[in-house]
PDB file of all heavy atoms in Angstrom:
ATOM      1  N   GLU A   1      12.464   8.484   0.396  1.00  0.00           N
ATOM      2  CA  GLU A   1      12.285   9.644   1.108  1.00  0.00           C
ATOM      3  C   GLU A   1      10.971  10.269   0.809  1.00  0.00           C
ATOM      4  O   GLU A   1      10.683  10.416  -0.369  1.00  0.00           O
ATOM      5  CB  GLU A   1      13.312  10.658   1.004  1.00  0.00           C
ATOM      6  CG  GLU A   1      13.335  11.700   2.184  1.00  0.00           C
ATOM      7  CD  GLU A   1      14.729  12.388   2.164  1.00  0.00           C
ATOM      8  OE1 GLU A   1      14.728  13.456   1.416  1.00  0.00           O
ATOM      9  OE2 GLU A   1      15.569  12.091   2.884  1.00  0.00           O
ATOM     10  N   VAL A   2      10.121  10.451   1.726  1.00  0.00           N
ATOM     11  CA  VAL A   2       8.678  11.129   1.548  1.00  0.00           C
ATOM     12  C   VAL A   2       8.642  12.417   2.423  1.00  0.00           C
ATOM     13  O   VAL A   2       8.745  12.313   3.656  1.00  0.00           O
ATOM     14  CB  VAL A   2       7.559  10.162   1.958  1.00  0.00           C
ATOM     15  CG1 VAL A   2       6.251  10.912   1.694  1.00  0.00           C
ATOM     16  CG2 VAL A   2       7.611   8.934   1.084  1.00  0.00           C
ATOM     17  N   ASN A   3       8.520  13.459   1.751  1.00  0.00           N
ATOM     18  CA  ASN A   3       8.505  14.755   2.532  1.00  0.00           C
ATOM     19  C   ASN A   3       9.682  14.919   3.392  1.00  0.00           C
ATOM     20  O   ASN A   3       9.497  15.387   4.511  1.00  0.00           O
ATOM     21  CB  ASN A   3       7.221  14.912   3.230  1.00  0.00           C
ATOM     22  CG  ASN A   3       5.971  15.221   2.361  1.00  0.00           C
ATOM     23  OD1 ASN A   3       5.554  14.286   1.767  1.00  0.00           O
ATOM     24  ND2 ASN A   3       5.623  16.485   2.334  1.00  0.00           N
ATOM     25  N   GLY A   4      10.826  14.632   2.919  1.00  0.00           N
ATOM     26  CA  GLY A   4      12.110  14.801   3.709  1.00  0.00           C
ATOM     27  C   GLY A   4      12.257  13.879   4.911  1.00  0.00           C
ATOM     28  O   GLY A   4      13.312  14.037   5.550  1.00  0.00           O
ATOM     29  N   GLN A   5      11.432  12.875   5.087  1.00  0.00           N
ATOM     30  CA  GLN A   5      11.515  11.880   6.107  1.00  0.00           C
ATOM     31  C   GLN A   5      11.451  10.497   5.536  1.00  0.00           C
ATOM     32  O   GLN A   5      11.140  10.245   4.326  1.00  0.00           O
ATOM     33  CB  GLN A   5      10.466  12.083   7.179  1.00  0.00           C
ATOM     34  CG  GLN A   5      10.406  13.506   7.689  1.00  0.00           C
ATOM     35  CD  GLN A   5      11.528  13.889   8.434  1.00  0.00           C
ATOM     36  OE1 GLN A   5      12.272  13.115   9.148  1.00  0.00           O
ATOM     37  NE2 GLN A   5      11.956  15.164   8.196  1.00  0.00           N
ATOM     38  N   PRO A   6      11.797   9.501   6.290  1.00  0.00           N
ATOM     39  CA  PRO A   6      11.805   8.084   5.818  1.00  0.00           C
ATOM     40  C   PRO A   6      10.405   7.732   5.500  1.00  0.00           C
ATOM     41  O   PRO A   6       9.351   8.085   6.019  1.00  0.00           O
ATOM     42  CB  PRO A   6      12.328   7.149   6.995  1.00  0.00           C
ATOM     43  CG  PRO A   6      13.069   8.193   7.908  1.00  0.00           C
ATOM     44  CD  PRO A   6      12.443   9.477   7.641  1.00  0.00           C
ATOM     45  N   GLY A   7      10.250   6.947   4.289  1.00  0.00           N
ATOM     46  CA  GLY A   7       8.917   6.554   3.849  1.00  0.00           C
ATOM     47  C   GLY A   7       9.075   5.528   2.746  1.00  0.00           C
ATOM     48  O   GLY A   7      10.091   4.829   2.647  1.00  0.00           O
ATOM     49  N   ALA A   8       7.984   5.275   2.129  1.00  0.00           N
ATOM     50  CA  ALA A   8       7.965   4.223   1.159  1.00  0.00           C
ATOM     51  C   ALA A   8       6.618   4.397   0.149  1.00  0.00           C
ATOM     52  O   ALA A   8       5.748   4.969   0.587  1.00  0.00           O
ATOM     53  CB  ALA A   8       7.836   2.763   1.747  1.00  0.00           C
ATOM     54  N   ILE A   9       6.832   3.946  -0.989  1.00  0.00           N
ATOM     55  CA  ILE A   9       5.706   3.834  -1.940  1.00  0.00           C
ATOM     56  C   ILE A   9       5.373   2.354  -2.107  1.00  0.00           C
ATOM     57  O   ILE A   9       6.172   1.505  -2.312  1.00  0.00           O
ATOM     58  CB  ILE A   9       6.108   4.373  -3.347  1.00  0.00           C
ATOM     59  CG1 ILE A   9       6.584   5.848  -3.105  1.00  0.00           C
ATOM     60  CG2 ILE A   9       4.879   4.197  -4.303  1.00  0.00           C
ATOM     61  CD1 ILE A   9       5.447   6.755  -2.653  1.00  0.00           C
ATOM     62  N   LEU A  10       4.040   2.099  -2.069  1.00  0.00           N
ATOM     63  CA  LEU A  10       3.535   0.719  -2.325  1.00  0.00           C
ATOM     64  C   LEU A  10       2.905   0.674  -3.780  1.00  0.00           C
ATOM     65  O   LEU A  10       2.142   1.547  -4.132  1.00  0.00           O
ATOM     66  CB  LEU A  10       2.513   0.285  -1.300  1.00  0.00           C
ATOM     67  CG  LEU A  10       3.030  -0.422  -0.083  1.00  0.00           C
ATOM     68  CD1 LEU A  10       3.830   0.628   0.866  1.00  0.00           C
ATOM     69  CD2 LEU A  10       1.945  -0.959   0.782  1.00  0.00           C
ATOM     70  N   ARG A  11       3.412  -0.284  -4.526  1.00  0.00           N
ATOM     71  CA  ARG A  11       2.906  -0.415  -5.882  1.00  0.00           C
ATOM     72  C   ARG A  11       2.264  -1.831  -6.139  1.00  0.00           C
ATOM     73  O   ARG A  11       2.686  -2.876  -5.527  1.00  0.00           O
ATOM     74  CB  ARG A  11       3.961  -0.195  -6.893  1.00  0.00           C
ATOM     75  CG  ARG A  11       4.800   1.073  -6.767  1.00  0.00           C
ATOM     76  CD  ARG A  11       5.790   1.259  -7.881  1.00  0.00           C
ATOM     77  NE  ARG A  11       6.544   2.437  -7.675  1.00  0.00           N
ATOM     78  CZ  ARG A  11       6.234   3.577  -8.206  1.00  0.00           C
ATOM     79  NH1 ARG A  11       5.189   3.587  -9.121  1.00  0.00           N
ATOM     80  NH2 ARG A  11       6.855   4.715  -8.149  1.00  0.00           N
ATOM     81  N   ASP A  12       1.253  -1.908  -7.048  1.00  0.00           N
ATOM     82  CA  ASP A  12       0.655  -3.240  -7.363  1.00  0.00           C
ATOM     83  C   ASP A  12       1.636  -3.891  -8.331  1.00  0.00           C
ATOM     84  O   ASP A  12       2.629  -3.363  -8.735  1.00  0.00           O
ATOM     85  CB  ASP A  12      -0.734  -3.028  -7.913  1.00  0.00           C
ATOM     86  CG  ASP A  12      -0.811  -2.433  -9.261  1.00  0.00           C
ATOM     87  OD1 ASP A  12       0.273  -2.035  -9.849  1.00  0.00           O
ATOM     88  OD2 ASP A  12      -1.996  -2.108  -9.770  1.00  0.00           O
ATOM     89  N   ARG A  13       1.258  -5.054  -8.750  1.00  0.00           N
ATOM     90  CA  ARG A  13       2.089  -5.861  -9.630  1.00  0.00           C
ATOM     91  C   ARG A  13       2.404  -5.312 -10.979  1.00  0.00           C
ATOM     92  O   ARG A  13       3.392  -5.623 -11.723  1.00  0.00           O
ATOM     93  CB  ARG A  13       1.486  -7.235  -9.905  1.00  0.00           C
ATOM     94  CG  ARG A  13       0.183  -7.251 -10.577  1.00  0.00           C
ATOM     95  CD  ARG A  13      -0.244  -8.647 -11.005  1.00  0.00           C
ATOM     96  NE  ARG A  13      -0.324  -9.597  -9.975  1.00  0.00           N
ATOM     97  CZ  ARG A  13      -1.410  -9.852  -9.229  1.00  0.00           C
ATOM     98  NH1 ARG A  13      -2.588  -9.241  -9.514  1.00  0.00           N
ATOM     99  NH2 ARG A  13      -1.444 -10.790  -8.216  1.00  0.00           N
ATOM    100  N   ASP A  14       1.527  -4.324 -11.372  1.00  0.00           N
ATOM    101  CA  ASP A  14       1.845  -3.620 -12.692  1.00  0.00           C
ATOM    102  C   ASP A  14       2.591  -2.333 -12.442  1.00  0.00           C
ATOM    103  O   ASP A  14       2.688  -1.502 -13.436  1.00  0.00           O
ATOM    104  CB  ASP A  14       0.399  -3.376 -13.339  1.00  0.00           C
ATOM    105  CG  ASP A  14      -0.200  -4.556 -13.654  1.00  0.00           C
ATOM    106  OD1 ASP A  14       0.425  -5.542 -14.227  1.00  0.00           O
ATOM    107  OD2 ASP A  14      -1.466  -4.710 -13.478  1.00  0.00           O
ATOM    108  N   GLY A  15       2.939  -1.955 -11.217  1.00  0.00           N
ATOM    109  CA  GLY A  15       3.747  -0.696 -11.047  1.00  0.00           C
ATOM    110  C   GLY A  15       2.827   0.451 -10.577  1.00  0.00           C
ATOM    111  O   GLY A  15       3.368   1.542 -10.329  1.00  0.00           O
ATOM    112  N   GLY A  16       1.544   0.279 -10.534  1.00  0.00           N
ATOM    113  CA  GLY A  16       0.612   1.282 -10.128  1.00  0.00           C
ATOM    114  C   GLY A  16       0.687   1.702  -8.626  1.00  0.00           C
ATOM    115  O   GLY A  16       0.946   0.834  -7.813  1.00  0.00           O
ATOM    116  N   VAL A  17       0.627   2.984  -8.355  1.00  0.00           N
ATOM    117  CA  VAL A  17       0.828   3.416  -6.980  1.00  0.00           C
ATOM    118  C   VAL A  17      -0.337   3.222  -6.193  1.00  0.00           C
ATOM    119  O   VAL A  17      -1.498   3.709  -6.636  1.00  0.00           O
ATOM    120  CB  VAL A  17       1.256   4.908  -6.918  1.00  0.00           C
ATOM    121  CG1 VAL A  17       1.454   5.516  -5.455  1.00  0.00           C
ATOM    122  CG2 VAL A  17       2.469   5.223  -7.741  1.00  0.00           C
ATOM    123  N   ILE A  18      -0.265   2.600  -5.086  1.00  0.00           N
ATOM    124  CA  ILE A  18      -1.472   2.222  -4.256  1.00  0.00           C
ATOM    125  C   ILE A  18      -1.484   3.240  -2.945  1.00  0.00           C
ATOM    126  O   ILE A  18      -2.516   3.737  -2.557  1.00  0.00           O
ATOM    127  CB  ILE A  18      -1.325   0.806  -3.664  1.00  0.00           C
ATOM    128  CG1 ILE A  18      -1.397  -0.245  -4.797  1.00  0.00           C
ATOM    129  CG2 ILE A  18      -2.434   0.537  -2.696  1.00  0.00           C
ATOM    130  CD1 ILE A  18      -1.098  -1.536  -4.301  1.00  0.00           C
ATOM    131  N   ASN A  19      -0.201   3.493  -2.403  1.00  0.00           N
ATOM    132  CA  ASN A  19      -0.172   4.075  -1.210  1.00  0.00           C
ATOM    133  C   ASN A  19       1.270   4.802  -1.036  1.00  0.00           C
ATOM    134  O   ASN A  19       2.250   4.407  -1.643  1.00  0.00           O
ATOM    135  CB  ASN A  19      -0.135   2.973  -0.210  1.00  0.00           C
ATOM    136  CG  ASN A  19      -0.379   3.523   1.255  1.00  0.00           C
ATOM    137  OD1 ASN A  19      -0.308   4.696   1.555  1.00  0.00           O
ATOM    138  ND2 ASN A  19      -0.512   2.475   2.169  1.00  0.00           N
ATOM    139  N   ALA A  20       1.279   5.837  -0.174  1.00  0.00           N
ATOM    140  CA  ALA A  20       2.600   6.377   0.251  1.00  0.00           C
ATOM    141  C   ALA A  20       2.568   6.517   1.720  1.00  0.00           C
ATOM    142  O   ALA A  20       1.715   6.907   2.378  1.00  0.00           O
ATOM    143  CB  ALA A  20       2.656   7.923  -0.386  1.00  0.00           C
ATOM    144  N   LEU A  21       3.695   5.842   2.307  1.00  0.00           N
ATOM    145  CA  LEU A  21       3.910   5.879   3.772  1.00  0.00           C
ATOM    146  C   LEU A  21       4.943   6.992   4.131  1.00  0.00           C
ATOM    147  O   LEU A  21       5.960   7.009   3.516  1.00  0.00           O
ATOM    148  CB  LEU A  21       4.242   4.500   4.181  1.00  0.00           C
ATOM    149  CG  LEU A  21       3.225   3.351   4.129  1.00  0.00           C
ATOM    150  CD1 LEU A  21       3.945   2.032   4.564  1.00  0.00           C
ATOM    151  CD2 LEU A  21       2.023   3.596   5.054  1.00  0.00           C
ATOM    152  N   ALA A  22       4.594   7.570   5.237  1.00  0.00           N
ATOM    153  CA  ALA A  22       5.777   8.549   5.800  1.00  0.00           C
ATOM    154  C   ALA A  22       5.827   8.361   7.238  1.00  0.00           C
ATOM    155  O   ALA A  22       4.804   8.178   7.899  1.00  0.00           O
ATOM    156  CB  ALA A  22       5.205  10.002   5.497  1.00  0.00           C
ATOM    157  N   LEU A  23       7.064   8.119   7.708  1.00  0.00           N
ATOM    158  CA  LEU A  23       7.411   7.908   9.097  1.00  0.00           C
ATOM    159  C   LEU A  23       7.911   9.176   9.921  1.00  0.00           C
ATOM    160  O   LEU A  23       8.654   9.937   9.097  1.00  0.00           O
ATOM    161  CB  LEU A  23       8.411   6.800   9.272  1.00  0.00           C
ATOM    162  CG  LEU A  23       8.100   5.549   8.387  1.00  0.00           C
ATOM    163  CD1 LEU A  23       9.383   4.535   8.786  1.00  0.00           C
ATOM    164  CD2 LEU A  23       6.883   4.890   8.840  1.00  0.00           C
ATOM    165  N   ASP A  24       7.533   9.300  11.016  1.00  0.00           N
ATOM    166  CA  ASP A  24       8.120  10.334  11.970  1.00  0.00           C
ATOM    167  C   ASP A  24       9.055   9.473  12.827  1.00  0.00           C
ATOM    168  O   ASP A  24       8.571   8.629  13.567  1.00  0.00           O
ATOM    169  CB  ASP A  24       7.205  11.114  12.898  1.00  0.00           C
ATOM    170  CG  ASP A  24       6.312  12.055  11.992  1.00  0.00           C
ATOM    171  OD1 ASP A  24       6.665  12.283  10.826  1.00  0.00           O
ATOM    172  OD2 ASP A  24       5.457  12.696  12.621  1.00  0.00           O
ATOM    173  N   VAL A  25      10.323   9.811  12.907  1.00  0.00           N
ATOM    174  CA  VAL A  25      11.320   9.045  13.670  1.00  0.00           C
ATOM    175  C   VAL A  25      11.960   9.997  14.655  1.00  0.00           C
ATOM    176  O   VAL A  25      12.566  11.073  14.242  1.00  0.00           O
ATOM    177  CB  VAL A  25      12.476   8.437  12.764  1.00  0.00           C
ATOM    178  CG1 VAL A  25      13.517   7.680  13.599  1.00  0.00           C
ATOM    179  CG2 VAL A  25      11.712   7.490  11.700  1.00  0.00           C
ATOM    180  N   LEU A  26      12.079   9.603  15.849  1.00  0.00           N
ATOM    181  CA  LEU A  26      12.628  10.469  16.901  1.00  0.00           C
ATOM    182  C   LEU A  26      13.041   9.563  18.054  1.00  0.00           C
ATOM    183  O   LEU A  26      12.328   8.603  18.508  1.00  0.00           O
ATOM    184  CB  LEU A  26      11.707  11.573  17.431  1.00  0.00           C
ATOM    185  CG  LEU A  26      12.236  12.416  18.569  1.00  0.00           C
ATOM    186  CD1 LEU A  26      13.366  13.296  18.074  1.00  0.00           C
ATOM    187  CD2 LEU A  26      11.096  13.267  19.180  1.00  0.00           C
ATOM    188  N   ASP A  27      14.284   9.806  18.607  1.00  0.00           N
ATOM    189  CA  ASP A  27      14.803   9.003  19.759  1.00  0.00           C
ATOM    190  C   ASP A  27      14.871   7.513  19.633  1.00  0.00           C
ATOM    191  O   ASP A  27      14.430   6.784  20.363  1.00  0.00           O
ATOM    192  CB  ASP A  27      13.884   9.231  21.021  1.00  0.00           C
ATOM    193  CG  ASP A  27      13.885  10.856  21.517  1.00  0.00           C
ATOM    194  OD1 ASP A  27      15.020  11.412  21.208  1.00  0.00           O
ATOM    195  OD2 ASP A  27      13.008  11.254  22.088  1.00  0.00           O
ATOM    196  N   GLY A  28      15.216   7.226  18.328  1.00  0.00           N
ATOM    197  CA  GLY A  28      15.315   5.775  17.932  1.00  0.00           C
ATOM    198  C   GLY A  28      14.057   5.034  17.847  1.00  0.00           C
ATOM    199  O   GLY A  28      14.015   3.758  17.897  1.00  0.00           O
ATOM    200  N   GLN A  29      12.968   5.722  17.639  1.00  0.00           N
ATOM    201  CA  GLN A  29      11.617   5.027  17.485  1.00  0.00           C
ATOM    202  C   GLN A  29      10.768   5.630  16.529  1.00  0.00           C
ATOM    203  O   GLN A  29      10.929   6.866  16.265  1.00  0.00           O
ATOM    204  CB  GLN A  29      10.940   5.039  18.987  1.00  0.00           C
ATOM    205  CG  GLN A  29      11.526   4.217  19.941  1.00  0.00           C
ATOM    206  CD  GLN A  29      10.796   4.283  21.232  1.00  0.00           C
ATOM    207  OE1 GLN A  29      10.451   5.321  21.722  1.00  0.00           O
ATOM    208  NE2 GLN A  29      10.615   3.044  21.940  1.00  0.00           N
ATOM    209  N   VAL A  30       9.805   4.941  15.920  1.00  0.00           N
ATOM    210  CA  VAL A  30       8.905   5.524  15.005  1.00  0.00           C
ATOM    211  C   VAL A  30       7.757   6.134  15.802  1.00  0.00           C
ATOM    212  O   VAL A  30       7.083   5.388  16.543  1.00  0.00           O
ATOM    213  CB  VAL A  30       8.430   4.548  14.075  1.00  0.00           C
ATOM    214  CG1 VAL A  30       7.280   5.102  13.209  1.00  0.00           C
ATOM    215  CG2 VAL A  30       9.531   3.951  13.151  1.00  0.00           C
ATOM    216  N   GLN A  31       7.464   7.431  15.741  1.00  0.00           N
ATOM    217  CA  GLN A  31       6.527   8.030  16.500  1.00  0.00           C
ATOM    218  C   GLN A  31       5.196   8.266  15.794  1.00  0.00           C
ATOM    219  O   GLN A  31       4.096   8.178  16.499  1.00  0.00           O
ATOM    220  CB  GLN A  31       6.893   9.571  16.720  1.00  0.00           C
ATOM    221  CG  GLN A  31       8.373   9.598  17.419  1.00  0.00           C
ATOM    222  CD  GLN A  31       8.418   9.186  18.823  1.00  0.00           C
ATOM    223  OE1 GLN A  31       7.469   9.296  19.630  1.00  0.00           O
ATOM    224  NE2 GLN A  31       9.644   8.697  19.180  1.00  0.00           N
ATOM    225  N   ALA A  32       5.079   8.088  14.482  1.00  0.00           N
ATOM    226  CA  ALA A  32       3.838   8.121  13.722  1.00  0.00           C
ATOM    227  C   ALA A  32       4.081   7.549  12.352  1.00  0.00           C
ATOM    228  O   ALA A  32       5.343   7.590  11.860  1.00  0.00           O
ATOM    229  CB  ALA A  32       3.385   9.605  13.614  1.00  0.00           C
ATOM    230  N   VAL A  33       3.021   6.885  11.882  1.00  0.00           N
ATOM    231  CA  VAL A  33       2.998   6.324  10.526  1.00  0.00           C
ATOM    232  C   VAL A  33       1.771   6.892   9.838  1.00  0.00           C
ATOM    233  O   VAL A  33       0.679   6.777  10.277  1.00  0.00           O
ATOM    234  CB  VAL A  33       2.992   4.843  10.564  1.00  0.00           C
ATOM    235  CG1 VAL A  33       2.959   4.198   9.018  1.00  0.00           C
ATOM    236  CG2 VAL A  33       4.060   4.169  11.319  1.00  0.00           C
ATOM    237  N   ARG A  34       2.081   7.658   8.731  1.00  0.00           N
ATOM    238  CA  ARG A  34       0.919   8.235   8.062  1.00  0.00           C
ATOM    239  C   ARG A  34       0.892   7.575   6.627  1.00  0.00           C
ATOM    240  O   ARG A  34       1.875   7.418   6.024  1.00  0.00           O
ATOM    241  CB  ARG A  34       1.208   9.709   7.834  1.00  0.00           C
ATOM    242  CG  ARG A  34       1.178  10.475   9.167  1.00  0.00           C
ATOM    243  CD  ARG A  34       1.273  11.992   9.139  1.00  0.00           C
ATOM    244  NE  ARG A  34       1.235  12.650  10.352  1.00  0.00           N
ATOM    245  CZ  ARG A  34       2.169  12.842  11.181  1.00  0.00           C
ATOM    246  NH1 ARG A  34       3.443  12.535  10.774  1.00  0.00           N
ATOM    247  NH2 ARG A  34       2.015  13.558  12.319  1.00  0.00           N
TER     248      ARG A  34
END
């Protein structure tokens, strides 16, 4: 969960954080990917 909504963390092979993804979901569809 990222900011109370579905999301994900991407890590490199050593566990370092590369990226955080946050999704806006409404009406059964993803409205935005940040």
